[in-house]
Amino acid sequence: MGVTLNDLLVQGLQMLLVFTLAPLLTGFIRKVKARLMRKRGPSLLQPYRDLLRLLRKDVVLADNASWLFRATPYVTFAAIWVAAALVPTFATGLLFNWMADLIVIVALLGTARFFLALAGMDVGTAFGGLGSSREVMIAALAEPAMLLIVFCVALVAGSSQLSTIANFIASAQVGLRVSLGLAMIALIMVALAENARIPVDNPSTHLELTMVHEAMILEYSGRHLALIEFGAFLKLLLYVSLLACLFFPWGIAVSGAGLQSYVVGTAVYVVKLAAVGFLLALFETATAKMRVFRVPQFLGAALMLGLLGTLLLFVSKSL
């Protein structure tokens, strides 16, 4: 079947939508957290201003920085943006639907993490190596947990393709399943760890002895830092989109359904983002950050939940 202009426009709108809403989601979470603490807080558009300010600044590089250090911001941003654009947001069955697979998403995120961890150690600073080692420690437990979540959902839907999963979960034949509930809790825990959110890391502080993500990017500046920060915004949006696509796909349009369905699907998607952003802000306000040495226990629990959900499906397909 040939590719039409309409298919290209809808896929382009998908990529533009995640590109535009990613900083807004972060700004919304910061605003809600400030309001919950009875503060005025920054503007919703502050992340956009921060990115523009960084883009206008010159890049400062260390004398011993290699090509890897220079290339990492572009590689990580591209990999995360592609992964975020592959997740169905307002419609399923888009032009790149054939490669919108959960395993592809995990591979793209792993590529971005690999380059960022290497870049943290490239210059040779103490904090860069510390942040990279912690990032790899988190990845060693988060990635197996993520793969078990993929297996659990794929066993239920019969496919690891995101559009197929979303259409199946939205149908009436799914019902309430314990395995999907366990997989959802595990995905939330992995998302908190992967995005350096409380209780694993505090995104609003720069304490050297506690930070993970920030320690790896201390040597970056200018447009390089803007790309890495934008990639972090997109990564948060990606995990929220995954939660909405895998477990709450209601309201999402089908490809070719028409302009009205696309508009309704976009509006429902924005509402889902706002709801998850509010719950995340509420959780982070009411929860304290855990010690670094307890992070393996936290992610180990996510790993066990994903494993338990997968084993339940081998016991009975109705669980």
Protein backbone atom coordinates (compact mmCIF):
# COMPACT_ATOMS: atom_id res chain seq x y z
CA MET A 1 0.00 0.00 0.00
CA GLY A 2 1.38 3.38 -1.02
CA VAL A 3 2.15 6.21 1.34
CA THR A 4 -0.23 9.14 1.00
CA LEU A 5 0.29 12.79 1.86
CA ASN A 6 -2.22 12.44 4.67
CA ASP A 7 -0.15 9.66 6.26
CA LEU A 8 2.94 11.85 6.16
CA LEU A 9 1.08 14.80 7.68
CA VAL A 10 -0.38 12.74 10.54
CA GLN A 11 3.00 11.18 11.34
CA GLY A 12 4.63 14.62 11.20
CA LEU A 13 1.96 15.93 13.57
CA GLN A 14 2.76 13.09 15.97
CA MET A 15 6.46 14.01 16.00
CA LEU A 16 5.66 17.72 16.38
CA LEU A 17 3.19 17.03 19.19
CA VAL A 18 5.69 15.20 21.41
CA PHE A 19 8.37 17.77 20.54
CA THR A 20 6.10 20.63 21.63
CA LEU A 21 4.48 19.12 24.71
CA ALA A 22 7.60 17.66 26.36
CA PRO A 23 8.86 20.93 27.94
CA LEU A 24 5.28 21.90 28.80
CA LEU A 25 4.78 18.69 30.78
CA THR A 26 7.89 19.41 32.85
CA GLY A 27 6.79 23.01 33.38
CA PHE A 28 3.34 21.82 34.49
CA ILE A 29 4.82 19.40 37.03
CA ARG A 30 7.07 22.12 38.46
CA LYS A 31 4.13 24.51 38.69
CA VAL A 32 1.90 22.01 40.48
CA LYS A 33 4.67 21.10 42.94
CA ALA A 34 5.18 24.77 43.74
CA ARG A 35 1.44 25.31 44.25
CA LEU A 36 1.22 22.28 46.53
CA MET A 37 3.97 23.84 48.66
CA ARG A 38 2.09 27.18 48.62
CA LYS A 39 4.64 28.86 46.39
CA ARG A 40 4.07 30.85 43.24
CA GLY A 41 6.43 28.73 41.19
CA PRO A 42 7.89 29.30 37.72
CA SER A 43 5.83 29.89 34.61
CA LEU A 44 4.56 26.94 32.58
CA LEU A 45 6.71 28.23 29.71
CA GLN A 46 9.92 28.44 31.76
CA PRO A 47 11.41 25.22 30.28
CA TYR A 48 11.09 26.72 26.79
CA ARG A 49 12.87 29.88 27.96
CA ASP A 50 15.64 27.85 29.58
CA LEU A 51 16.21 25.92 26.36
CA LEU A 52 16.31 29.10 24.27
CA ARG A 53 18.73 30.69 26.74
CA LEU A 54 21.07 27.70 26.51
CA LEU A 55 20.88 27.65 22.70
CA ARG A 56 22.10 31.27 22.60
CA LYS A 57 25.16 30.51 24.74
CA ASP A 58 28.53 29.35 23.44
CA VAL A 59 29.72 25.79 23.96
CA VAL A 60 32.66 25.36 26.34
CA LEU A 61 34.61 22.13 25.85
CA ALA A 62 37.36 20.58 27.93
CA ASP A 63 40.76 20.22 26.27
CA ASN A 64 40.67 16.43 26.53
CA ALA A 65 37.07 16.03 25.31
CA SER A 66 36.84 13.49 22.48
CA TRP A 67 34.45 13.23 19.53
CA LEU A 68 32.20 11.07 21.71
CA PHE A 69 31.65 13.94 24.12
CA ARG A 70 30.63 16.22 21.24
CA ALA A 71 28.39 13.66 19.51
CA THR A 72 26.53 12.39 22.59
CA PRO A 73 24.00 15.28 22.88
CA TYR A 74 22.89 14.80 19.28
CA VAL A 75 22.74 11.00 19.50
CA THR A 76 20.79 10.96 22.77
CA PHE A 77 18.34 13.63 21.64
CA ALA A 78 17.69 11.90 18.31
CA ALA A 79 17.24 8.45 19.87
CA ILE A 80 14.83 9.67 22.57
CA TRP A 81 12.84 11.84 20.15
CA VAL A 82 12.41 8.93 17.73
CA ALA A 83 11.36 6.64 20.59
CA ALA A 84 8.86 9.21 21.89
CA ALA A 85 7.44 9.74 18.38
CA LEU A 86 6.92 5.99 17.90
CA VAL A 87 4.60 5.67 20.91
CA PRO A 88 0.96 6.21 19.81
CA THR A 89 -0.38 9.36 21.42
CA PHE A 90 -3.58 10.50 19.70
CA ALA A 91 -3.91 7.75 17.04
CA THR A 92 -2.74 4.20 16.31
CA GLY A 93 -1.59 2.69 13.04
CA LEU A 94 0.46 5.67 11.87
CA LEU A 95 3.06 5.65 9.11
CA PHE A 96 5.90 4.34 11.31
CA ASN A 97 3.62 1.84 13.01
CA TRP A 98 5.64 -1.09 11.62
CA MET A 99 8.62 -0.14 13.81
CA ALA A 100 6.64 1.10 16.83
CA ASP A 101 7.58 -1.93 18.91
CA LEU A 102 8.22 -2.09 22.64
CA ILE A 103 11.56 -3.80 22.11
CA VAL A 104 12.61 -1.04 19.71
CA ILE A 105 11.69 1.56 22.35
CA VAL A 106 13.83 -0.23 24.95
CA ALA A 107 16.73 -0.46 22.47
CA LEU A 108 16.58 3.27 21.62
CA LEU A 109 16.50 4.23 25.29
CA GLY A 110 19.41 1.89 25.99
CA THR A 111 21.41 3.51 23.18
CA ALA A 112 20.84 6.98 24.63
CA ARG A 113 21.84 5.79 28.11
CA PHE A 114 24.97 4.06 26.80
CA PHE A 115 26.27 7.19 25.06
CA LEU A 116 25.41 9.45 28.01
CA ALA A 117 27.19 7.18 30.48
CA LEU A 118 30.30 7.10 28.27
CA ALA A 119 30.22 10.88 27.87
CA GLY A 120 30.08 11.29 31.66
CA MET A 121 33.39 9.44 31.96
CA ASP A 122 35.02 10.91 28.83
CA VAL A 123 36.41 14.10 30.37
CA GLY A 124 37.66 12.29 33.45
CA THR A 125 36.00 14.30 36.21
CA ALA A 126 35.13 12.63 39.51
CA PHE A 127 31.45 13.56 39.43
CA GLY A 128 31.04 12.41 35.84
CA GLY A 129 32.37 8.96 36.68
CA LEU A 130 30.23 8.83 39.82
CA GLY A 131 27.06 9.70 37.90
CA SER A 132 27.86 7.21 35.12
CA SER A 133 28.45 4.38 37.58
CA ARG A 134 25.15 5.09 39.31
CA GLU A 135 23.35 5.32 35.97
CA VAL A 136 24.70 1.92 34.92
CA MET A 137 23.73 0.46 38.30
CA ILE A 138 20.16 1.67 37.81
CA ALA A 139 20.10 0.43 34.20
CA ALA A 140 21.29 -3.04 35.25
CA LEU A 141 18.00 -3.50 37.14
CA ALA A 142 15.67 -1.19 35.20
CA GLU A 143 16.25 -2.75 31.77
CA PRO A 144 15.48 -6.37 32.85
CA ALA A 145 12.38 -5.10 34.65
CA MET A 146 11.35 -3.22 31.50
CA LEU A 147 11.83 -6.33 29.36
CA LEU A 148 9.69 -8.41 31.74
CA ILE A 149 6.97 -5.75 31.48
CA VAL A 150 7.23 -6.03 27.69
CA PHE A 151 6.88 -9.83 27.86
CA CYS A 152 3.90 -9.58 30.21
CA VAL A 153 1.99 -7.12 28.04
CA ALA A 154 2.95 -8.95 24.84
CA LEU A 155 1.64 -12.25 26.22
CA VAL A 156 -1.71 -10.61 26.97
CA ALA A 157 -2.08 -8.79 23.64
CA GLY A 158 -0.33 -11.39 21.49
CA SER A 159 2.07 -8.80 20.09
CA SER A 160 4.74 -6.33 21.20
CA GLN A 161 3.64 -3.74 18.64
CA LEU A 162 2.26 -0.68 20.41
CA SER A 163 -0.71 -0.02 18.12
CA THR A 164 -1.84 -3.65 18.38
CA ILE A 165 -1.52 -3.57 22.17
CA ALA A 166 -3.44 -0.29 22.46
CA ASN A 167 -6.29 -1.56 20.27
CA PHE A 168 -6.45 -4.83 22.20
CA ILE A 169 -6.42 -3.23 25.66
CA ALA A 170 -9.12 -0.76 24.58
CA SER A 171 -11.40 -3.63 23.48
CA ALA A 172 -13.97 -5.25 25.73
CA GLN A 173 -12.32 -8.68 25.74
CA VAL A 174 -9.51 -7.76 28.15
CA GLY A 175 -11.28 -7.13 31.43
CA LEU A 176 -9.46 -6.79 34.74
CA ARG A 177 -6.18 -8.70 34.87
CA VAL A 178 -3.85 -9.04 37.83
CA SER A 179 -0.85 -9.43 35.53
CA LEU A 180 -1.52 -6.09 33.82
CA GLY A 181 -1.90 -4.39 37.20
CA LEU A 182 1.46 -5.74 38.34
CA ALA A 183 3.06 -4.70 35.04
CA MET A 184 1.64 -1.18 35.38
CA ILE A 185 3.04 -0.74 38.90
CA ALA A 186 6.41 -2.06 37.72
CA LEU A 187 6.42 0.36 34.76
CA ILE A 188 5.68 3.29 37.08
CA MET A 189 8.62 2.32 39.30
CA VAL A 190 10.92 1.96 36.30
CA ALA A 191 9.75 5.31 34.94
CA LEU A 192 10.58 7.05 38.21
CA ALA A 193 14.08 5.57 38.20
CA GLU A 194 14.77 6.17 34.50
CA ASN A 195 13.72 9.81 34.69
CA ALA A 196 15.66 10.52 37.90
CA ARG A 197 12.52 11.40 39.83
CA ILE A 198 11.80 11.08 43.54
CA PRO A 199 12.31 8.70 45.36
CA VAL A 200 15.32 7.59 43.25
CA ASP A 201 16.72 11.07 42.52
CA ASN A 202 15.65 14.65 43.11
CA PRO A 203 15.38 16.61 39.81
CA SER A 204 15.26 19.98 41.59
CA THR A 205 18.58 19.75 43.42
CA HIS A 206 22.26 19.69 42.43
CA LEU A 207 23.81 18.06 45.49
CA GLU A 208 26.91 16.27 44.24
CA LEU A 209 26.64 13.30 46.60
CA THR A 210 23.06 12.41 45.65
CA MET A 211 22.53 13.28 41.99
CA VAL A 212 22.67 10.75 39.16
CA HIS A 213 21.60 12.36 35.89
CA GLU A 214 22.97 15.80 36.70
CA ALA A 215 26.41 14.43 37.59
CA MET A 216 26.92 13.07 34.06
CA ILE A 217 26.17 16.38 32.34
CA LEU A 218 28.06 18.82 34.58
CA GLU A 219 30.67 19.45 31.86
CA TYR A 220 28.11 20.29 29.17
CA SER A 221 27.07 23.82 28.25
CA GLY A 222 25.36 25.82 25.53
CA ARG A 223 23.46 23.96 22.81
CA HIS A 224 24.88 20.63 23.97
CA LEU A 225 23.28 21.07 27.39
CA ALA A 226 20.05 22.26 25.74
CA LEU A 227 19.83 19.06 23.69
CA ILE A 228 20.46 16.86 26.73
CA GLU A 229 17.86 18.72 28.81
CA PHE A 230 15.37 18.53 25.95
CA GLY A 231 16.07 14.80 25.73
CA ALA A 232 15.25 14.47 29.45
CA PHE A 233 11.94 16.28 28.86
CA LEU A 234 11.14 13.94 25.97
CA LYS A 235 12.04 10.88 28.03
CA LEU A 236 9.56 11.84 30.74
CA LEU A 237 6.87 12.38 28.11
CA LEU A 238 7.74 9.03 26.54
CA TYR A 239 7.12 7.09 29.74
CA VAL A 240 3.86 8.92 30.41
CA SER A 241 2.80 8.14 26.83
CA LEU A 242 3.73 4.49 27.36
CA LEU A 243 1.55 4.30 30.47
CA ALA A 244 -1.35 5.89 28.60
CA CYS A 245 -0.87 3.68 25.52
CA LEU A 246 -0.43 0.35 27.31
CA PHE A 247 -2.89 0.65 30.19
CA PHE A 248 -5.23 3.60 29.44
CA PRO A 249 -5.65 3.66 25.63
CA TRP A 250 -9.25 4.84 25.71
CA GLY A 251 -10.02 7.82 23.51
CA ILE A 252 -7.16 7.14 21.11
CA ALA A 253 -8.16 7.36 17.44
CA VAL A 254 -7.57 4.78 14.73
CA SER A 255 -5.52 5.74 11.68
CA GLY A 256 -7.72 7.06 8.89
CA ALA A 257 -10.62 7.85 11.24
CA GLY A 258 -10.78 11.48 10.17
CA LEU A 259 -9.89 14.92 11.45
CA GLN A 260 -12.52 14.98 14.19
CA SER A 261 -11.27 11.73 15.71
CA TYR A 262 -7.71 13.03 15.63
CA VAL A 263 -8.72 16.24 17.41
CA VAL A 264 -10.61 14.29 20.08
CA GLY A 265 -7.68 11.89 20.49
CA THR A 266 -5.26 14.80 20.90
CA ALA A 267 -7.49 16.44 23.52
CA VAL A 268 -7.80 13.17 25.45
CA TYR A 269 -4.02 12.70 25.28
CA VAL A 270 -3.41 16.18 26.72
CA VAL A 271 -5.85 15.40 29.55
CA LYS A 272 -3.95 12.17 30.29
CA LEU A 273 -0.67 14.08 30.40
CA ALA A 274 -2.15 16.62 32.80
CA ALA A 275 -3.58 13.91 35.06
CA VAL A 276 -0.31 11.95 35.25
CA GLY A 277 1.67 15.17 35.72
CA PHE A 278 -0.54 16.19 38.64
CA LEU A 279 -0.27 12.76 40.28
CA LEU A 280 3.51 12.79 39.84
CA ALA A 281 3.79 16.24 41.41
CA LEU A 282 1.57 15.13 44.30
CA PHE A 283 3.65 11.99 44.83
CA GLU A 284 6.95 13.86 44.79
CA THR A 285 5.64 16.46 47.23
CA ALA A 286 4.53 13.81 49.72
CA THR A 287 7.55 11.47 49.35
CA ALA A 288 11.15 11.81 50.45
CA LYS A 289 14.16 10.75 48.42
CA MET A 290 15.61 7.37 49.39
CA ARG A 291 19.28 6.60 49.92
CA VAL A 292 21.26 5.53 46.87
CA PHE A 293 21.95 2.14 48.43
CA ARG A 294 18.21 1.42 48.57
CA VAL A 295 17.67 2.00 44.85
CA PRO A 296 18.54 -1.65 43.97
CA GLN A 297 15.84 -2.79 46.38
CA PHE A 298 13.34 -0.41 44.79
CA LEU A 299 14.10 -1.61 41.25
CA GLY A 300 14.36 -5.19 42.44
CA ALA A 301 10.75 -4.92 43.55
CA ALA A 302 9.82 -3.69 40.05
CA LEU A 303 11.72 -6.64 38.58
CA MET A 304 9.84 -9.09 40.78
CA LEU A 305 6.48 -7.52 39.92
CA GLY A 306 7.20 -7.85 36.21
CA LEU A 307 8.33 -11.45 36.69
CA LEU A 308 5.27 -12.30 38.78
CA GLY A 309 2.95 -10.77 36.17
CA THR A 310 4.62 -12.83 33.44
CA LEU A 311 4.49 -16.07 35.45
CA LEU A 312 0.80 -15.56 36.21
CA LEU A 313 0.07 -15.61 32.48
CA PHE A 314 1.78 -18.98 32.17
CA VAL A 315 -0.43 -20.30 34.98
CA SER A 316 -3.64 -18.96 33.45
CA LYS A 317 -4.24 -16.69 30.46
CA SER A 318 -7.21 -15.11 32.27
CA LEU A 319 -5.11 -13.70 35.14
